[in-house]
N, C-alpha and C. Protein backbone atom coordinates (compact mmCIF):
# COMPACT_ATOMS: atom_id res chain seq x y z
N MET A 1 74.66 127.82 53.52
CA MET A 1 73.37 127.28 53.15
C MET A 1 72.33 127.55 54.23
N GLY A 2 72.70 127.63 55.47
CA GLY A 2 71.76 127.88 56.54
C GLY A 2 70.97 126.64 56.92
N VAL A 3 69.78 126.85 57.44
CA VAL A 3 68.96 125.75 57.93
C VAL A 3 68.32 125.02 56.74
N PRO A 4 68.51 123.70 56.66
CA PRO A 4 67.90 122.94 55.55
C PRO A 4 66.37 123.05 55.55
N ASP A 5 65.79 122.97 54.36
CA ASP A 5 64.33 123.11 54.21
C ASP A 5 63.56 122.11 55.06
N HIS A 6 64.04 120.86 55.14
CA HIS A 6 63.28 119.86 55.92
C HIS A 6 63.27 120.21 57.41
N ILE A 7 64.32 120.86 57.89
CA ILE A 7 64.35 121.30 59.30
C ILE A 7 63.41 122.49 59.49
N LEU A 8 63.39 123.41 58.54
CA LEU A 8 62.47 124.55 58.63
C LEU A 8 61.02 124.08 58.68
N ARG A 9 60.68 123.06 57.88
CA ARG A 9 59.32 122.52 57.90
C ARG A 9 59.01 121.88 59.25
N LEU A 10 59.97 121.16 59.82
CA LEU A 10 59.77 120.56 61.14
C LEU A 10 59.59 121.66 62.20
N ARG A 11 60.41 122.69 62.12
CA ARG A 11 60.33 123.77 63.11
C ARG A 11 58.99 124.49 63.06
N GLU A 12 58.36 124.55 61.88
CA GLU A 12 57.02 125.14 61.78
C GLU A 12 56.03 124.38 62.65
N ARG A 13 56.24 123.10 62.81
CA ARG A 13 55.33 122.25 63.59
C ARG A 13 55.70 122.18 65.07
N VAL A 14 57.00 122.13 65.37
CA VAL A 14 57.41 121.89 66.76
C VAL A 14 57.96 123.13 67.45
N GLY A 15 58.10 124.21 66.72
CA GLY A 15 58.64 125.42 67.33
C GLY A 15 60.07 125.19 67.80
N HIS A 16 60.35 125.61 69.04
CA HIS A 16 61.71 125.47 69.59
C HIS A 16 61.93 124.15 70.31
N ASP A 17 60.92 123.25 70.32
CA ASP A 17 61.04 121.98 71.02
C ASP A 17 62.23 121.17 70.51
N LEU A 18 62.66 120.23 71.33
CA LEU A 18 63.82 119.40 71.03
C LEU A 18 63.62 118.55 69.77
N LEU A 19 64.58 118.62 68.87
CA LEU A 19 64.61 117.77 67.67
C LEU A 19 65.84 116.88 67.73
N PRO A 20 65.68 115.57 67.56
CA PRO A 20 66.85 114.71 67.42
C PRO A 20 67.33 114.77 65.97
N LEU A 21 68.61 115.04 65.76
CA LEU A 21 69.17 115.18 64.41
C LEU A 21 70.51 114.48 64.31
N SER A 22 70.82 113.99 63.12
CA SER A 22 72.13 113.39 62.86
C SER A 22 73.02 114.45 62.23
N SER A 23 74.28 114.48 62.67
CA SER A 23 75.20 115.49 62.16
C SER A 23 76.60 114.90 62.00
N VAL A 24 77.43 115.66 61.30
CA VAL A 24 78.83 115.29 61.11
C VAL A 24 79.70 116.48 61.49
N SER A 25 80.92 116.16 61.90
CA SER A 25 81.94 117.18 62.16
C SER A 25 83.23 116.74 61.50
N ALA A 26 83.98 117.72 61.00
CA ALA A 26 85.22 117.44 60.28
C ALA A 26 86.41 118.06 60.99
N VAL A 27 87.41 117.23 61.24
CA VAL A 27 88.70 117.74 61.69
C VAL A 27 89.62 117.61 60.48
N VAL A 28 89.84 118.74 59.82
CA VAL A 28 90.59 118.78 58.57
C VAL A 28 92.03 119.20 58.88
N CYS A 29 92.98 118.36 58.48
CA CYS A 29 94.39 118.64 58.70
C CYS A 29 95.06 118.94 57.36
N ASP A 30 95.87 120.01 57.33
CA ASP A 30 96.65 120.27 56.12
C ASP A 30 98.00 119.56 56.23
N ASP A 31 98.85 119.71 55.22
CA ASP A 31 100.14 119.01 55.20
C ASP A 31 101.06 119.43 56.34
N ALA A 32 100.85 120.62 56.89
CA ALA A 32 101.67 121.11 58.00
C ALA A 32 101.10 120.72 59.35
N GLY A 33 99.95 120.02 59.36
CA GLY A 33 99.34 119.60 60.62
C GLY A 33 98.39 120.62 61.22
N LYS A 34 98.14 121.73 60.52
CA LYS A 34 97.20 122.73 61.03
C LYS A 34 95.77 122.27 60.81
N LEU A 35 94.87 122.76 61.68
CA LEU A 35 93.47 122.38 61.65
C LEU A 35 92.62 123.51 61.10
N LEU A 36 91.64 123.15 60.27
CA LEU A 36 90.71 124.12 59.70
C LEU A 36 89.54 124.33 60.67
N LEU A 37 89.31 125.58 61.03
CA LEU A 37 88.18 125.93 61.90
C LEU A 37 87.39 127.05 61.25
N GLY A 38 86.12 127.11 61.62
CA GLY A 38 85.25 128.20 61.17
C GLY A 38 84.70 128.95 62.36
N ARG A 39 84.54 130.26 62.19
CA ARG A 39 83.91 131.07 63.24
C ARG A 39 82.43 131.21 62.87
N ARG A 40 81.59 130.65 63.72
CA ARG A 40 80.16 130.54 63.44
C ARG A 40 79.48 131.91 63.40
N ALA A 41 78.57 132.08 62.44
CA ALA A 41 77.82 133.33 62.33
C ALA A 41 76.76 133.45 63.42
N ASP A 42 76.22 132.31 63.91
CA ASP A 42 75.11 132.39 64.87
C ASP A 42 75.54 132.77 66.27
N ASP A 43 76.73 132.32 66.71
CA ASP A 43 77.14 132.64 68.08
C ASP A 43 78.55 133.24 68.18
N GLY A 44 79.24 133.37 67.04
CA GLY A 44 80.56 133.99 67.02
C GLY A 44 81.70 133.13 67.52
N ARG A 45 81.43 131.85 67.83
CA ARG A 45 82.48 130.97 68.37
C ARG A 45 83.19 130.22 67.26
N TRP A 46 84.47 129.93 67.50
CA TRP A 46 85.23 129.08 66.61
C TRP A 46 84.83 127.63 66.85
N SER A 47 84.81 126.84 65.77
CA SER A 47 84.44 125.43 65.90
C SER A 47 84.98 124.64 64.71
N VAL A 48 84.93 123.32 64.85
CA VAL A 48 85.19 122.46 63.70
C VAL A 48 84.02 122.63 62.74
N VAL A 49 84.24 122.36 61.47
CA VAL A 49 83.16 122.44 60.49
C VAL A 49 82.19 121.30 60.77
N SER A 50 80.92 121.63 60.92
CA SER A 50 79.89 120.65 61.26
C SER A 50 78.62 120.97 60.50
N GLY A 51 77.75 119.97 60.40
CA GLY A 51 76.46 120.20 59.77
C GLY A 51 75.56 118.99 59.84
N ILE A 52 74.33 119.20 59.45
CA ILE A 52 73.29 118.18 59.51
C ILE A 52 73.40 117.27 58.29
N ILE A 53 73.20 115.98 58.53
CA ILE A 53 73.14 115.01 57.44
C ILE A 53 71.76 115.16 56.79
N GLU A 54 71.75 115.33 55.47
CA GLU A 54 70.50 115.48 54.73
C GLU A 54 69.80 114.12 54.60
N PRO A 55 68.48 114.11 54.45
CA PRO A 55 67.76 112.84 54.26
C PRO A 55 68.35 112.07 53.06
N GLY A 56 68.63 110.79 53.27
CA GLY A 56 69.16 109.94 52.21
C GLY A 56 70.65 110.07 51.96
N GLU A 57 71.32 110.94 52.70
CA GLU A 57 72.75 111.19 52.49
C GLU A 57 73.59 110.33 53.43
N GLN A 58 74.68 109.80 52.93
CA GLN A 58 75.60 109.04 53.76
C GLN A 58 76.47 110.02 54.57
N PRO A 59 76.88 109.65 55.79
CA PRO A 59 77.68 110.55 56.62
C PRO A 59 78.98 111.03 55.96
N ALA A 60 79.72 110.15 55.29
CA ALA A 60 80.97 110.58 54.65
C ALA A 60 80.70 111.60 53.55
N THR A 61 79.61 111.42 52.82
CA THR A 61 79.23 112.39 51.80
C THR A 61 78.86 113.72 52.45
N ALA A 62 78.15 113.65 53.57
CA ALA A 62 77.74 114.87 54.28
C ALA A 62 78.94 115.66 54.77
N VAL A 63 79.95 114.97 55.30
CA VAL A 63 81.11 115.71 55.83
C VAL A 63 81.88 116.39 54.69
N VAL A 64 82.00 115.72 53.54
CA VAL A 64 82.65 116.34 52.38
C VAL A 64 81.85 117.57 51.92
N ARG A 65 80.53 117.41 51.83
CA ARG A 65 79.66 118.52 51.40
C ARG A 65 79.73 119.69 52.36
N GLU A 66 79.64 119.43 53.66
CA GLU A 66 79.65 120.51 54.65
C GLU A 66 80.95 121.32 54.59
N VAL A 67 82.07 120.62 54.50
CA VAL A 67 83.35 121.34 54.43
C VAL A 67 83.42 122.19 53.17
N ARG A 68 83.01 121.63 52.04
CA ARG A 68 83.02 122.38 50.78
C ARG A 68 82.08 123.59 50.85
N GLU A 69 80.84 123.37 51.35
CA GLU A 69 79.87 124.47 51.41
C GLU A 69 80.34 125.60 52.32
N GLU A 70 80.91 125.24 53.47
CA GLU A 70 81.25 126.26 54.45
C GLU A 70 82.61 126.91 54.23
N THR A 71 83.55 126.18 53.60
CA THR A 71 84.92 126.72 53.51
C THR A 71 85.50 126.73 52.11
N GLY A 72 84.85 126.09 51.14
CA GLY A 72 85.40 126.00 49.79
C GLY A 72 86.51 124.98 49.65
N VAL A 73 86.81 124.24 50.70
CA VAL A 73 87.92 123.28 50.71
C VAL A 73 87.38 121.89 50.36
N GLN A 74 88.17 121.14 49.59
CA GLN A 74 87.85 119.75 49.25
C GLN A 74 88.59 118.84 50.22
N VAL A 75 87.88 117.87 50.79
CA VAL A 75 88.48 116.95 51.75
C VAL A 75 88.14 115.51 51.41
N GLU A 76 88.90 114.62 52.02
CA GLU A 76 88.62 113.19 51.96
C GLU A 76 88.56 112.68 53.39
N PRO A 77 87.42 112.08 53.80
CA PRO A 77 87.37 111.49 55.14
C PRO A 77 88.30 110.28 55.19
N VAL A 78 89.13 110.21 56.24
CA VAL A 78 90.07 109.09 56.35
C VAL A 78 89.76 108.18 57.52
N ARG A 79 89.00 108.70 58.50
CA ARG A 79 88.71 107.88 59.67
C ARG A 79 87.53 108.45 60.43
N LEU A 80 86.61 107.56 60.81
CA LEU A 80 85.56 107.93 61.76
C LEU A 80 86.22 107.93 63.13
N SER A 81 86.21 109.07 63.82
CA SER A 81 86.99 109.19 65.05
C SER A 81 86.15 109.31 66.32
N SER A 82 84.90 109.73 66.20
CA SER A 82 84.07 109.85 67.40
C SER A 82 82.59 109.75 67.03
N VAL A 83 81.83 109.23 67.99
CA VAL A 83 80.38 109.14 67.87
C VAL A 83 79.83 109.57 69.22
N VAL A 84 79.07 110.63 69.25
CA VAL A 84 78.55 111.11 70.52
C VAL A 84 77.24 111.86 70.31
N SER A 85 76.33 111.70 71.25
CA SER A 85 75.08 112.45 71.25
C SER A 85 75.24 113.60 72.23
N HIS A 86 74.89 114.80 71.76
CA HIS A 86 75.03 115.96 72.64
C HIS A 86 73.94 116.99 72.35
N PRO A 87 73.50 117.71 73.38
CA PRO A 87 72.48 118.74 73.18
C PRO A 87 73.09 120.03 72.67
N HIS A 88 72.25 120.81 71.99
CA HIS A 88 72.67 122.14 71.55
C HIS A 88 71.44 123.03 71.49
N THR A 89 71.57 124.23 72.02
CA THR A 89 70.51 125.22 71.91
C THR A 89 71.06 126.40 71.13
N TYR A 90 70.37 126.76 70.05
CA TYR A 90 70.79 127.87 69.19
C TYR A 90 70.37 129.19 69.82
N PRO A 91 71.02 130.30 69.42
CA PRO A 91 70.66 131.60 69.99
C PRO A 91 69.18 131.97 69.85
N ASN A 92 68.49 131.42 68.83
CA ASN A 92 67.06 131.73 68.66
C ASN A 92 66.16 130.86 69.54
N GLY A 93 66.75 129.95 70.32
CA GLY A 93 65.98 129.09 71.22
C GLY A 93 65.69 127.70 70.68
N ASP A 94 66.00 127.43 69.42
CA ASP A 94 65.81 126.08 68.87
C ASP A 94 66.70 125.10 69.62
N ARG A 95 66.09 123.98 70.07
CA ARG A 95 66.82 122.95 70.81
C ARG A 95 66.97 121.70 69.95
N CYS A 96 68.18 121.12 69.96
CA CYS A 96 68.47 119.90 69.21
C CYS A 96 69.25 118.95 70.10
N GLU A 97 69.16 117.68 69.76
CA GLU A 97 70.04 116.65 70.32
C GLU A 97 70.71 116.03 69.11
N PHE A 98 71.98 116.32 68.93
CA PHE A 98 72.71 115.83 67.77
C PHE A 98 73.37 114.49 68.05
N LEU A 99 73.14 113.53 67.17
CA LEU A 99 73.96 112.32 67.13
C LEU A 99 75.04 112.67 66.13
N ASN A 100 76.24 112.98 66.64
CA ASN A 100 77.32 113.51 65.81
C ASN A 100 78.38 112.46 65.53
N LEU A 101 78.74 112.38 64.25
CA LEU A 101 79.82 111.51 63.80
C LEU A 101 81.00 112.41 63.46
N GLY A 102 82.09 112.24 64.20
CA GLY A 102 83.29 113.04 63.96
C GLY A 102 84.24 112.31 63.01
N PHE A 103 84.74 113.01 62.01
CA PHE A 103 85.65 112.44 61.03
C PHE A 103 86.97 113.19 61.01
N ARG A 104 88.06 112.45 60.91
CA ARG A 104 89.34 113.06 60.57
C ARG A 104 89.38 113.09 59.05
N CYS A 105 89.73 114.25 58.50
CA CYS A 105 89.73 114.43 57.05
C CYS A 105 91.07 114.94 56.57
N ARG A 106 91.40 114.54 55.36
CA ARG A 106 92.62 114.96 54.70
C ARG A 106 92.26 116.04 53.68
N LEU A 107 93.07 117.10 53.66
CA LEU A 107 92.90 118.17 52.68
C LEU A 107 93.24 117.64 51.30
N VAL A 108 92.33 117.84 50.35
CA VAL A 108 92.55 117.41 48.97
C VAL A 108 92.86 118.62 48.08
N GLY A 109 92.17 119.74 48.32
CA GLY A 109 92.41 120.93 47.51
C GLY A 109 91.54 122.08 47.94
N GLY A 110 91.72 123.19 47.25
CA GLY A 110 90.94 124.39 47.51
C GLY A 110 91.64 125.33 48.47
N THR A 111 91.12 126.53 48.53
CA THR A 111 91.64 127.57 49.41
C THR A 111 90.56 127.92 50.42
N ALA A 112 90.90 127.84 51.69
CA ALA A 112 89.91 128.12 52.74
C ALA A 112 89.44 129.56 52.68
N ARG A 113 88.12 129.70 52.71
CA ARG A 113 87.49 131.02 52.69
C ARG A 113 86.08 130.89 53.27
N VAL A 114 85.51 131.99 53.68
CA VAL A 114 84.11 131.99 54.07
C VAL A 114 83.32 131.75 52.79
N ASN A 115 82.54 130.68 52.75
CA ASN A 115 81.90 130.27 51.51
C ASN A 115 80.38 130.25 51.59
N ASP A 116 79.82 130.57 52.75
CA ASP A 116 78.36 130.66 52.90
C ASP A 116 78.05 131.56 54.08
N ASP A 117 76.78 131.64 54.44
CA ASP A 117 76.38 132.54 55.52
C ASP A 117 76.46 131.93 56.91
N GLU A 118 76.99 130.69 57.03
CA GLU A 118 77.08 130.04 58.34
C GLU A 118 78.34 130.45 59.10
N SER A 119 79.32 131.02 58.40
CA SER A 119 80.58 131.39 59.04
C SER A 119 80.90 132.85 58.75
N VAL A 120 81.62 133.47 59.68
CA VAL A 120 82.10 134.84 59.47
C VAL A 120 83.60 134.86 59.24
N ALA A 121 84.27 133.73 59.51
CA ALA A 121 85.72 133.62 59.28
C ALA A 121 86.08 132.14 59.24
N VAL A 122 87.15 131.83 58.53
CA VAL A 122 87.74 130.49 58.56
C VAL A 122 89.24 130.67 58.67
N GLY A 123 89.91 129.67 59.23
CA GLY A 123 91.36 129.77 59.37
C GLY A 123 91.99 128.44 59.73
N TRP A 124 93.30 128.38 59.51
CA TRP A 124 94.11 127.21 59.84
C TRP A 124 94.85 127.50 61.14
N PHE A 125 94.81 126.55 62.08
CA PHE A 125 95.41 126.75 63.39
C PHE A 125 96.30 125.56 63.77
N PRO A 126 97.48 125.84 64.34
CA PRO A 126 98.29 124.75 64.89
C PRO A 126 97.52 124.10 66.05
N PRO A 127 97.58 122.78 66.19
CA PRO A 127 96.83 122.11 67.25
C PRO A 127 97.13 122.62 68.66
N ASP A 128 98.34 123.13 68.88
CA ASP A 128 98.69 123.63 70.21
C ASP A 128 98.34 125.11 70.40
N ARG A 129 97.71 125.73 69.40
CA ARG A 129 97.32 127.14 69.51
C ARG A 129 95.91 127.36 68.96
N LEU A 130 95.00 126.49 69.36
CA LEU A 130 93.61 126.62 68.91
C LEU A 130 92.91 127.72 69.70
N PRO A 131 91.96 128.42 69.07
CA PRO A 131 91.15 129.37 69.83
C PRO A 131 90.23 128.60 70.79
N ALA A 132 89.53 129.33 71.64
CA ALA A 132 88.59 128.68 72.57
C ALA A 132 87.54 127.93 71.77
N LEU A 133 87.34 126.66 72.13
CA LEU A 133 86.34 125.81 71.48
C LEU A 133 85.38 125.29 72.53
N ASP A 134 84.13 125.00 72.12
CA ASP A 134 83.20 124.43 73.08
C ASP A 134 83.57 122.98 73.36
N ARG A 135 82.93 122.40 74.34
CA ARG A 135 83.26 121.05 74.80
C ARG A 135 83.17 120.02 73.67
N HIS A 136 82.12 120.08 72.87
CA HIS A 136 81.97 119.10 71.79
C HIS A 136 83.10 119.23 70.77
N ALA A 137 83.43 120.43 70.35
CA ALA A 137 84.51 120.62 69.38
C ALA A 137 85.84 120.14 69.94
N ARG A 138 86.12 120.41 71.21
CA ARG A 138 87.36 119.93 71.83
C ARG A 138 87.43 118.41 71.80
N LEU A 139 86.31 117.76 72.09
CA LEU A 139 86.26 116.31 72.09
C LEU A 139 86.50 115.76 70.68
N VAL A 140 85.83 116.33 69.69
CA VAL A 140 85.98 115.87 68.30
C VAL A 140 87.43 116.02 67.85
N VAL A 141 88.05 117.15 68.16
CA VAL A 141 89.45 117.38 67.78
C VAL A 141 90.36 116.37 68.48
N ALA A 142 90.19 116.21 69.78
CA ALA A 142 91.07 115.32 70.54
C ALA A 142 91.04 113.90 69.99
N HIS A 143 89.85 113.40 69.66
CA HIS A 143 89.76 112.02 69.19
C HIS A 143 90.15 111.88 67.72
N ALA A 144 89.97 112.91 66.94
CA ALA A 144 90.42 112.86 65.54
C ALA A 144 91.95 112.86 65.46
N LEU A 145 92.58 113.56 66.38
CA LEU A 145 94.05 113.63 66.37
C LEU A 145 94.68 112.49 67.17
N GLY A 146 93.88 111.74 67.91
CA GLY A 146 94.39 110.65 68.73
C GLY A 146 94.79 109.44 67.91
N ASP A 147 95.35 108.47 68.61
CA ASP A 147 95.84 107.25 67.97
C ASP A 147 94.85 106.09 68.01
N GLU A 148 93.63 106.34 68.48
CA GLU A 148 92.66 105.25 68.59
C GLU A 148 92.45 104.59 67.23
N ALA A 149 92.38 103.27 67.24
CA ALA A 149 92.14 102.52 66.00
C ALA A 149 90.67 102.53 65.62
N THR A 150 89.79 102.74 66.59
CA THR A 150 88.36 102.76 66.33
C THR A 150 87.77 104.06 66.85
N ALA A 151 86.54 104.35 66.46
CA ALA A 151 85.88 105.58 66.88
C ALA A 151 85.62 105.57 68.38
N TRP A 152 85.84 106.72 69.02
CA TRP A 152 85.57 106.89 70.44
C TRP A 152 84.08 107.12 70.64
N PHE A 153 83.55 106.62 71.77
CA PHE A 153 82.17 106.88 72.15
C PHE A 153 82.08 106.85 73.66
N LEU A 154 81.03 107.47 74.21
CA LEU A 154 80.81 107.42 75.65
C LEU A 154 80.42 106.01 76.05
N PRO A 155 80.89 105.53 77.20
CA PRO A 155 80.50 104.19 77.66
C PRO A 155 78.99 104.08 77.85
N ALA A 156 78.46 102.87 77.65
CA ALA A 156 77.03 102.62 77.86
C ALA A 156 76.63 103.09 79.26
N GLY A 157 75.49 103.73 79.33
CA GLY A 157 74.97 104.21 80.60
C GLY A 157 75.47 105.58 81.00
N THR A 158 76.35 106.18 80.18
CA THR A 158 76.89 107.51 80.48
C THR A 158 76.16 108.55 79.65
N GLY A 159 75.71 109.61 80.29
CA GLY A 159 75.07 110.72 79.58
C GLY A 159 76.05 111.84 79.34
N TRP A 160 75.74 112.70 78.40
CA TRP A 160 76.62 113.82 78.06
C TRP A 160 76.94 114.68 79.27
N ALA A 161 75.93 114.97 80.09
CA ALA A 161 76.12 115.84 81.25
C ALA A 161 77.04 115.24 82.29
N GLU A 162 77.10 113.89 82.37
CA GLU A 162 77.92 113.27 83.40
C GLU A 162 79.27 112.79 82.89
N SER A 163 79.52 112.98 81.61
CA SER A 163 80.80 112.53 81.05
C SER A 163 81.86 113.60 81.30
N ASP A 164 83.10 113.18 81.32
CA ASP A 164 84.20 114.12 81.47
C ASP A 164 85.22 113.86 80.38
N ASP A 165 84.83 114.24 79.17
CA ASP A 165 85.65 114.11 77.96
C ASP A 165 86.92 113.35 78.27
């Protein structure tokens, strides 16, 4: 799907300046315990499936939609596993500060495939043989696979730059 229309309209006004945005990330596990990852078209890196929450959309709905749009896979969110604010700069210079909600998701159906222009590849990976992931994706995966009963978050007064996952 690419950049949502409401973000394109905002970018017309603010250019590459920092935008605060809400987003979701999905750690999708299949029955064998493998994780679904996508290789991003914008920077070529492997990552968990993530995306922006649309205006008026609930986070659980957004995570289901993002996984379906990007991979063709149907999921069910089973647990909110992490909440963290982190910066991101896109290759074109657009700067964002994402308030990201990480979800552990259960595979419901579908066959993983590249399903839009945001990914160049998708694949299932054993947790002990993941490709290189950025810091945020590693954190989302670790807490989605962890035993925490509640969602993980950075302690009050801690910034992203000073945290040590």
